[in-house]
PDB file of N, CA and C in Angstrom:
ATOM      1  N   LEU A   1     -36.221  36.641  65.082  1.00  0.00           N
ATOM      2  CA  LEU A   1     -36.428  35.820  66.266  1.00  0.00           C
ATOM      3  C   LEU A   1     -36.343  34.348  65.896  1.00  0.00           C
ATOM      4  N   TRP A   2     -35.931  33.536  66.868  1.00  0.00           N
ATOM      5  CA  TRP A   2     -35.874  32.078  66.740  1.00  0.00           C
ATOM      6  C   TRP A   2     -36.905  31.440  67.672  1.00  0.00           C
ATOM      7  N   GLU A   3     -37.620  30.459  67.175  1.00  0.00           N
ATOM      8  CA  GLU A   3     -38.410  29.550  68.010  1.00  0.00           C
ATOM      9  C   GLU A   3     -37.477  28.380  68.273  1.00  0.00           C
ATOM     10  N   MET A   4     -37.056  28.195  69.506  1.00  0.00           N
ATOM     11  CA  MET A   4     -36.002  27.224  69.808  1.00  0.00           C
ATOM     12  C   MET A   4     -36.521  25.852  70.250  1.00  0.00           C
ATOM     13  N   HIS A   5     -37.834  25.698  70.413  1.00  0.00           N
ATOM     14  CA  HIS A   5     -38.339  24.397  70.860  1.00  0.00           C
ATOM     15  C   HIS A   5     -39.727  24.150  70.274  1.00  0.00           C
ATOM     16  N   ALA A   6     -39.765  23.970  68.975  1.00  0.00           N
ATOM     17  CA  ALA A   6     -41.030  23.706  68.286  1.00  0.00           C
ATOM     18  C   ALA A   6     -41.233  22.205  68.118  1.00  0.00           C
ATOM     19  N   HIS A   7     -42.488  21.816  68.006  1.00  0.00           N
ATOM     20  CA  HIS A   7     -42.877  20.448  67.633  1.00  0.00           C
ATOM     21  C   HIS A   7     -43.973  20.585  66.583  1.00  0.00           C
ATOM     22  N   LEU A   8     -43.580  20.913  65.370  1.00  0.00           N
ATOM     23  CA  LEU A   8     -44.554  21.155  64.309  1.00  0.00           C
ATOM     24  C   LEU A   8     -45.333  19.905  63.941  1.00  0.00           C
ATOM     25  N   ALA A   9     -44.784  18.722  64.218  1.00  0.00           N
ATOM     26  CA  ALA A   9     -45.486  17.474  63.908  1.00  0.00           C
ATOM     27  C   ALA A   9     -46.478  17.090  65.000  1.00  0.00           C
ATOM     28  N   ALA A  10     -46.534  17.846  66.071  1.00  0.00           N
ATOM     29  CA  ALA A  10     -47.432  17.518  67.181  1.00  0.00           C
ATOM     30  C   ALA A  10     -48.844  18.042  66.949  1.00  0.00           C
ATOM     31  N   VAL A  11     -49.044  18.837  65.916  1.00  0.00           N
ATOM     32  CA  VAL A  11     -50.367  19.368  65.599  1.00  0.00           C
ATOM     33  C   VAL A  11     -50.798  18.848  64.242  1.00  0.00           C
ATOM     34  N   ALA A  12     -52.085  18.708  64.049  1.00  0.00           N
ATOM     35  CA  ALA A  12     -52.595  18.219  62.768  1.00  0.00           C
ATOM     36  C   ALA A  12     -53.285  19.360  62.034  1.00  0.00           C
ATOM     37  N   PRO A  13     -53.072  19.501  60.758  1.00  0.00           N
ATOM     38  CA  PRO A  13     -52.042  18.805  59.997  1.00  0.00           C
ATOM     39  C   PRO A  13     -50.649  19.322  60.352  1.00  0.00           C
ATOM     40  N   VAL A  14     -49.641  18.527  60.036  1.00  0.00           N
ATOM     41  CA  VAL A  14     -48.265  18.918  60.341  1.00  0.00           C
ATOM     42  C   VAL A  14     -47.977  20.274  59.706  1.00  0.00           C
ATOM     43  N   GLY A  15     -47.386  21.146  60.484  1.00  0.00           N
ATOM     44  CA  GLY A  15     -47.071  22.486  59.980  1.00  0.00           C
ATOM     45  C   GLY A  15     -48.317  23.299  59.701  1.00  0.00           C
ATOM     46  N   ARG A  16     -49.336  23.119  60.513  1.00  0.00           N
ATOM     47  CA  ARG A  16     -50.657  23.717  60.284  1.00  0.00           C
ATOM     48  C   ARG A  16     -50.574  25.182  59.896  1.00  0.00           C
ATOM     49  N   ALA A  17     -49.765  25.951  60.564  1.00  0.00           N
ATOM     50  CA  ALA A  17     -49.754  27.381  60.270  1.00  0.00           C
ATOM     51  C   ALA A  17     -48.390  28.009  60.526  1.00  0.00           C
ATOM     52  N   PRO A  18     -47.355  27.599  59.771  1.00  0.00           N
ATOM     53  CA  PRO A  18     -46.051  28.228  59.968  1.00  0.00           C
ATOM     54  C   PRO A  18     -46.086  29.722  59.645  1.00  0.00           C
ATOM     55  N   GLU A  19     -47.102  30.134  58.867  1.00  0.00           N
ATOM     56  CA  GLU A  19     -47.255  31.560  58.551  1.00  0.00           C
ATOM     57  C   GLU A  19     -47.450  32.385  59.820  1.00  0.00           C
ATOM     58  N   HIS A  20     -48.098  31.806  60.823  1.00  0.00           N
ATOM     59  CA  HIS A  20     -48.318  32.536  62.070  1.00  0.00           C
ATOM     60  C   HIS A  20     -47.003  32.871  62.763  1.00  0.00           C
ATOM     61  N   LEU A  21     -46.047  31.952  62.690  1.00  0.00           N
ATOM     62  CA  LEU A  21     -44.746  32.232  63.303  1.00  0.00           C
ATOM     63  C   LEU A  21     -44.107  33.455  62.656  1.00  0.00           C
ATOM     64  N   VAL A  22     -44.113  33.483  61.321  1.00  0.00           N
ATOM     65  CA  VAL A  22     -43.523  34.619  60.603  1.00  0.00           C
ATOM     66  C   VAL A  22     -44.284  35.893  60.937  1.00  0.00           C
ATOM     67  N   GLY A  23     -45.594  35.797  61.068  1.00  0.00           N
ATOM     68  CA  GLY A  23     -46.404  36.961  61.410  1.00  0.00           C
ATOM     69  C   GLY A  23     -46.048  37.559  62.755  1.00  0.00           C
ATOM     70  N   HIS A  24     -45.450  36.746  63.617  1.00  0.00           N
ATOM     71  CA  HIS A  24     -45.011  37.227  64.931  1.00  0.00           C
ATOM     72  C   HIS A  24     -43.516  37.540  64.951  1.00  0.00           C
ATOM     73  N   GLY A  25     -42.889  37.547  63.774  1.00  0.00           N
ATOM     74  CA  GLY A  25     -41.486  37.917  63.692  1.00  0.00           C
ATOM     75  C   GLY A  25     -40.515  36.766  63.845  1.00  0.00           C
ATOM     76  N   VAL A  26     -41.017  35.525  63.898  1.00  0.00           N
ATOM     77  CA  VAL A  26     -40.148  34.356  64.032  1.00  0.00           C
ATOM     78  C   VAL A  26     -39.731  33.920  62.623  1.00  0.00           C
ATOM     79  N   LEU A  27     -38.460  34.081  62.297  1.00  0.00           N
ATOM     80  CA  LEU A  27     -37.959  33.759  60.962  1.00  0.00           C
ATOM     81  C   LEU A  27     -37.176  32.458  60.910  1.00  0.00           C
ATOM     82  N   HIS A  28     -36.906  31.861  62.081  1.00  0.00           N
ATOM     83  CA  HIS A  28     -36.183  30.595  62.165  1.00  0.00           C
ATOM     84  C   HIS A  28     -36.833  29.771  63.271  1.00  0.00           C
ATOM     85  N   ALA A  29     -36.910  28.454  63.049  1.00  0.00           N
ATOM     86  CA  ALA A  29     -37.490  27.584  64.080  1.00  0.00           C
ATOM     87  C   ALA A  29     -36.701  26.283  64.137  1.00  0.00           C
ATOM     88  N   ARG A  30     -36.462  25.825  65.346  1.00  0.00           N
ATOM     89  CA  ARG A  30     -35.782  24.542  65.585  1.00  0.00           C
ATOM     90  C   ARG A  30     -36.844  23.562  66.047  1.00  0.00           C
ATOM     91  N   ASP A  31     -37.121  22.568  65.205  1.00  0.00           N
ATOM     92  CA  ASP A  31     -38.096  21.542  65.569  1.00  0.00           C
ATOM     93  C   ASP A  31     -37.360  20.460  66.349  1.00  0.00           C
ATOM     94  N   MET A  32     -37.769  20.245  67.581  1.00  0.00           N
ATOM     95  CA  MET A  32     -37.035  19.388  68.508  1.00  0.00           C
ATOM     96  C   MET A  32     -37.436  17.925  68.461  1.00  0.00           C
ATOM     97  N   GLY A  33     -38.377  17.566  67.616  1.00  0.00           N
ATOM     98  CA  GLY A  33     -38.750  16.161  67.509  1.00  0.00           C
ATOM     99  C   GLY A  33     -40.003  16.020  66.679  1.00  0.00           C
ATOM    100  N   GLY A  34     -39.899  15.227  65.621  1.00  0.00           N
ATOM    101  CA  GLY A  34     -41.056  15.049  64.759  1.00  0.00           C
ATOM    102  C   GLY A  34     -40.793  14.048  63.664  1.00  0.00           C
ATOM    103  N   PHE A  35     -41.756  13.925  62.790  1.00  0.00           N
ATOM    104  CA  PHE A  35     -41.692  12.988  61.671  1.00  0.00           C
ATOM    105  C   PHE A  35     -40.950  13.639  60.512  1.00  0.00           C
ATOM    106  N   LEU A  36     -39.739  13.182  60.233  1.00  0.00           N
ATOM    107  CA  LEU A  36     -38.954  13.790  59.153  1.00  0.00           C
ATOM    108  C   LEU A  36     -39.642  13.658  57.808  1.00  0.00           C
ATOM    109  N   ASP A  37     -40.350  12.550  57.579  1.00  0.00           N
ATOM    110  CA  ASP A  37     -41.006  12.359  56.283  1.00  0.00           C
ATOM    111  C   ASP A  37     -42.117  13.383  56.059  1.00  0.00           C
ATOM    112  N   GLN A  38     -42.601  14.014  57.113  1.00  0.00           N
ATOM    113  CA  GLN A  38     -43.602  15.064  56.991  1.00  0.00           C
ATOM    114  C   GLN A  38     -42.989  16.459  57.095  1.00  0.00           C
ATOM    115  N   LEU A  39     -41.970  16.596  57.922  1.00  0.00           N
ATOM    116  CA  LEU A  39     -41.374  17.918  58.139  1.00  0.00           C
ATOM    117  C   LEU A  39     -40.443  18.346  57.008  1.00  0.00           C
ATOM    118  N   GLN A  40     -39.726  17.402  56.404  1.00  0.00           N
ATOM    119  CA  GLN A  40     -38.819  17.781  55.317  1.00  0.00           C
ATOM    120  C   GLN A  40     -39.569  18.368  54.120  1.00  0.00           C
ATOM    121  N   PRO A  41     -40.720  17.789  53.702  1.00  0.00           N
ATOM    122  CA  PRO A  41     -41.464  18.433  52.607  1.00  0.00           C
ATOM    123  C   PRO A  41     -41.978  19.831  52.971  1.00  0.00           C
ATOM    124  N   LEU A  42     -42.352  20.020  54.237  1.00  0.00           N
ATOM    125  CA  LEU A  42     -42.775  21.352  54.681  1.00  0.00           C
ATOM    126  C   LEU A  42     -41.611  22.330  54.566  1.00  0.00           C
ATOM    127  N   ARG A  43     -40.436  21.918  55.036  1.00  0.00           N
ATOM    128  CA  ARG A  43     -39.259  22.788  54.957  1.00  0.00           C
ATOM    129  C   ARG A  43     -38.950  23.132  53.498  1.00  0.00           C
ATOM    130  N   GLU A  44     -39.029  22.141  52.613  1.00  0.00           N
ATOM    131  CA  GLU A  44     -38.743  22.391  51.194  1.00  0.00           C
ATOM    132  C   GLU A  44     -39.784  23.317  50.569  1.00  0.00           C
ATOM    133  N   ALA A  45     -41.053  23.158  50.932  1.00  0.00           N
ATOM    134  CA  ALA A  45     -42.104  24.046  50.406  1.00  0.00           C
ATOM    135  C   ALA A  45     -41.858  25.491  50.840  1.00  0.00           C
ATOM    136  N   ILE A  46     -41.408  25.674  52.077  1.00  0.00           N
ATOM    137  CA  ILE A  46     -41.086  27.020  52.562  1.00  0.00           C
ATOM    138  C   ILE A  46     -39.887  27.570  51.798  1.00  0.00           C
ATOM    139  N   ARG A  47     -38.869  26.748  51.608  1.00  0.00           N
ATOM    140  CA  ARG A  47     -37.667  27.210  50.893  1.00  0.00           C
ATOM    141  C   ARG A  47     -37.967  27.569  49.439  1.00  0.00           C
ATOM    142  N   ARG A  48     -38.883  26.808  48.803  1.00  0.00           N
ATOM    143  CA  ARG A  48     -39.251  27.090  47.413  1.00  0.00           C
ATOM    144  C   ARG A  48     -40.149  28.317  47.293  1.00  0.00           C
ATOM    145  N   GLY A  49     -40.756  28.735  48.389  1.00  0.00           N
ATOM    146  CA  GLY A  49     -41.684  29.847  48.355  1.00  0.00           C
ATOM    147  C   GLY A  49     -43.121  29.424  48.147  1.00  0.00           C
ATOM    148  N   ASP A  50     -43.398  28.117  48.176  1.00  0.00           N
ATOM    149  CA  ASP A  50     -44.766  27.622  48.048  1.00  0.00           C
ATOM    150  C   ASP A  50     -45.571  27.849  49.323  1.00  0.00           C
ATOM    151  N   ARG A  51     -44.894  27.907  50.459  1.00  0.00           N
ATOM    152  CA  ARG A  51     -45.512  28.196  51.762  1.00  0.00           C
ATOM    153  C   ARG A  51     -44.721  29.318  52.407  1.00  0.00           C
ATOM    154  N   VAL A  52     -45.392  30.067  53.255  1.00  0.00           N
ATOM    155  CA  VAL A  52     -44.724  31.081  54.068  1.00  0.00           C
ATOM    156  C   VAL A  52     -44.444  30.439  55.415  1.00  0.00           C
ATOM    157  N   GLY A  53     -43.223  30.576  55.872  1.00  0.00           N
ATOM    158  CA  GLY A  53     -42.862  30.026  57.167  1.00  0.00           C
ATOM    159  C   GLY A  53     -41.410  30.324  57.474  1.00  0.00           C
ATOM    160  N   PRO A  54     -41.013  30.029  58.693  1.00  0.00           N
ATOM    161  CA  PRO A  54     -39.623  30.266  59.082  1.00  0.00           C
ATOM    162  C   PRO A  54     -38.697  29.222  58.471  1.00  0.00           C
ATOM    163  N   ASP A  55     -37.422  29.544  58.407  1.00  0.00           N
ATOM    164  CA  ASP A  55     -36.415  28.555  58.039  1.00  0.00           C
ATOM    165  C   ASP A  55     -36.406  27.496  59.142  1.00  0.00           C
ATOM    166  N   LEU A  56     -36.478  26.221  58.764  1.00  0.00           N
ATOM    167  CA  LEU A  56     -36.607  25.147  59.750  1.00  0.00           C
ATOM    168  C   LEU A  56     -35.325  24.346  59.904  1.00  0.00           C
ATOM    169  N   VAL A  57     -34.930  24.122  61.138  1.00  0.00           N
ATOM    170  CA  VAL A  57     -33.855  23.201  61.497  1.00  0.00           C
ATOM    171  C   VAL A  57     -34.547  22.004  62.143  1.00  0.00           C
ATOM    172  N   LEU A  58     -34.313  20.802  61.607  1.00  0.00           N
ATOM    173  CA  LEU A  58     -35.065  19.617  62.031  1.00  0.00           C
ATOM    174  C   LEU A  58     -34.178  18.619  62.757  1.00  0.00           C
ATOM    175  N   ALA A  59     -34.656  18.132  63.885  1.00  0.00           N
ATOM    176  CA  ALA A  59     -33.919  17.132  64.662  1.00  0.00           C
ATOM    177  C   ALA A  59     -34.324  15.712  64.305  1.00  0.00           C
ATOM    178  N   GLY A  60     -35.537  15.513  63.827  1.00  0.00           N
ATOM    179  CA  GLY A  60     -36.035  14.167  63.575  1.00  0.00           C
ATOM    180  C   GLY A  60     -36.713  13.611  64.807  1.00  0.00           C
ATOM    181  N   PRO A  61     -36.870  12.296  64.882  1.00  0.00           N
ATOM    182  CA  PRO A  61     -37.572  11.722  66.030  1.00  0.00           C
ATOM    183  C   PRO A  61     -36.804  11.935  67.327  1.00  0.00           C
ATOM    184  N   THR A  62     -37.555  12.080  68.395  1.00  0.00           N
ATOM    185  CA  THR A  62     -36.975  12.204  69.724  1.00  0.00           C
ATOM    186  C   THR A  62     -36.590  10.815  70.200  1.00  0.00           C
ATOM    187  N   LEU A  63     -35.399  10.651  70.746  1.00  0.00           N
ATOM    188  CA  LEU A  63     -34.947   9.354  71.256  1.00  0.00           C
ATOM    189  C   LEU A  63     -35.252   9.280  72.742  1.00  0.00           C
ATOM    190  N   ASN A  64     -35.968   8.231  73.153  1.00  0.00           N
ATOM    191  CA  ASN A  64     -36.405   8.078  74.535  1.00  0.00           C
ATOM    192  C   ASN A  64     -36.344   6.617  74.950  1.00  0.00           C
ATOM    193  N   SER A  65     -36.390   6.398  76.244  1.00  0.00           N
ATOM    194  CA  SER A  65     -36.461   5.026  76.755  1.00  0.00           C
ATOM    195  C   SER A  65     -37.883   4.480  76.672  1.00  0.00           C
ATOM    196  N   GLU A  66     -38.861   5.364  76.460  1.00  0.00           N
ATOM    197  CA  GLU A  66     -40.250   4.965  76.263  1.00  0.00           C
ATOM    198  C   GLU A  66     -40.806   5.752  75.081  1.00  0.00           C
ATOM    199  N   GLN A  67     -41.813   5.202  74.421  1.00  0.00           N
ATOM    200  CA  GLN A  67     -42.445   5.933  73.325  1.00  0.00           C
ATOM    201  C   GLN A  67     -43.668   6.649  73.886  1.00  0.00           C
ATOM    202  N   LEU A  68     -43.458   7.884  74.320  1.00  0.00           N
ATOM    203  CA  LEU A  68     -44.507   8.666  74.966  1.00  0.00           C
ATOM    204  C   LEU A  68     -45.364   9.441  73.967  1.00  0.00           C
ATOM    205  N   ALA A  69     -44.875   9.591  72.758  1.00  0.00           N
ATOM    206  CA  ALA A  69     -45.607  10.268  71.692  1.00  0.00           C
ATOM    207  C   ALA A  69     -45.312   9.534  70.389  1.00  0.00           C
ATOM    208  N   PRO A  70     -46.176   9.665  69.393  1.00  0.00           N
ATOM    209  CA  PRO A  70     -45.958   8.930  68.140  1.00  0.00           C
ATOM    210  C   PRO A  70     -44.625   9.220  67.462  1.00  0.00           C
ATOM    211  N   PHE A  71     -44.087  10.431  67.643  1.00  0.00           N
ATOM    212  CA  PHE A  71     -42.822  10.778  66.986  1.00  0.00           C
ATOM    213  C   PHE A  71     -41.600  10.457  67.849  1.00  0.00           C
ATOM    214  N   HIS A  72     -41.793   9.794  68.958  1.00  0.00           N
ATOM    215  CA  HIS A  72     -40.662   9.348  69.782  1.00  0.00           C
ATOM    216  C   HIS A  72     -40.164   8.009  69.266  1.00  0.00           C
ATOM    217  N   ARG A  73     -38.886   7.823  69.309  1.00  0.00           N
ATOM    218  CA  ARG A  73     -38.291   6.538  68.950  1.00  0.00           C
ATOM    219  C   ARG A  73     -37.726   5.919  70.215  1.00  0.00           C
ATOM    220  N   LYS A  74     -38.184   4.723  70.515  1.00  0.00           N
ATOM    221  CA  LYS A  74     -37.731   4.038  71.723  1.00  0.00           C
ATOM    222  C   LYS A  74     -36.368   3.405  71.467  1.00  0.00           C
ATOM    223  N   VAL A  75     -35.424   3.692  72.349  1.00  0.00           N
ATOM    224  CA  VAL A  75     -34.114   3.053  72.328  1.00  0.00           C
ATOM    225  C   VAL A  75     -33.863   2.499  73.724  1.00  0.00           C
ATOM    226  N   ALA A  76     -33.404   1.250  73.780  1.00  0.00           N
ATOM    227  CA  ALA A  76     -33.244   0.585  75.075  1.00  0.00           C
ATOM    228  C   ALA A  76     -31.789   0.425  75.488  1.00  0.00           C
ATOM    229  N   THR A  77     -30.884   0.492  74.521  1.00  0.00           N
ATOM    230  CA  THR A  77     -29.470   0.274  74.840  1.00  0.00           C
ATOM    231  C   THR A  77     -28.621   1.387  74.228  1.00  0.00           C
ATOM    232  N   ALA A  78     -27.398   1.459  74.682  1.00  0.00           N
ATOM    233  CA  ALA A  78     -26.472   2.445  74.127  1.00  0.00           C
ATOM    234  C   ALA A  78     -26.226   2.176  72.641  1.00  0.00           C
ATOM    235  N   ASP A  79     -26.140   0.899  72.262  1.00  0.00           N
ATOM    236  CA  ASP A  79     -25.939   0.563  70.850  1.00  0.00           C
ATOM    237  C   ASP A  79     -27.115   1.012  69.990  1.00  0.00           C
ATOM    238  N   GLU A  80     -28.343   0.821  70.492  1.00  0.00           N
ATOM    239  CA  GLU A  80     -29.524   1.272  69.753  1.00  0.00           C
ATOM    240  C   GLU A  80     -29.516   2.801  69.617  1.00  0.00           C
ATOM    241  N   ALA A  81     -29.111   3.486  70.663  1.00  0.00           N
ATOM    242  CA  ALA A  81     -29.065   4.956  70.609  1.00  0.00           C
ATOM    243  C   ALA A  81     -28.030   5.421  69.587  1.00  0.00           C
ATOM    244  N   ARG A  82     -26.863   4.810  69.578  1.00  0.00           N
ATOM    245  CA  ARG A  82     -25.831   5.183  68.615  1.00  0.00           C
ATOM    246  C   ARG A  82     -26.310   4.924  67.188  1.00  0.00           C
ATOM    247  N   ALA A  83     -26.961   3.802  66.954  1.00  0.00           N
ATOM    248  CA  ALA A  83     -27.481   3.474  65.627  1.00  0.00           C
ATOM    249  C   ALA A  83     -28.538   4.490  65.199  1.00  0.00           C
ATOM    250  N   ALA A  84     -29.411   4.889  66.121  1.00  0.00           N
ATOM    251  CA  ALA A  84     -30.454   5.860  65.809  1.00  0.00           C
ATOM    252  C   ALA A  84     -29.852   7.208  65.443  1.00  0.00           C
ATOM    253  N   VAL A  85     -28.827   7.625  66.155  1.00  0.00           N
ATOM    254  CA  VAL A  85     -28.192   8.912  65.856  1.00  0.00           C
ATOM    255  C   VAL A  85     -27.507   8.861  64.497  1.00  0.00           C
ATOM    256  N   ARG A  86     -26.885   7.747  64.166  1.00  0.00           N
ATOM    257  CA  ARG A  86     -26.240   7.614  62.854  1.00  0.00           C
ATOM    258  C   ARG A  86     -27.262   7.718  61.722  1.00  0.00           C
ATOM    259  N   GLU A  87     -28.456   7.180  61.929  1.00  0.00           N
ATOM    260  CA  GLU A  87     -29.501   7.254  60.893  1.00  0.00           C
ATOM    261  C   GLU A  87     -29.893   8.686  60.647  1.00  0.00           C
TER     262      GLU A  87
END
């Protein structure tokens, strides 16, 4: 099974219990917006076998016209949005 709309950075601590996803048969998860500096180490720990969890596909920060959550990145113009996507 795939979890197609996760926000693992929205709970503290980040990735609090990826083991629960696997326990429910979820072997892959798409994180739709979060802190890459926190999610990438979690993904690597799972890949190394240090943590149990699904294979993670990470989107990085959510791009928005307003910063509604800490992991949202505010972009006001098309140029800012293009620059953010390139990063």
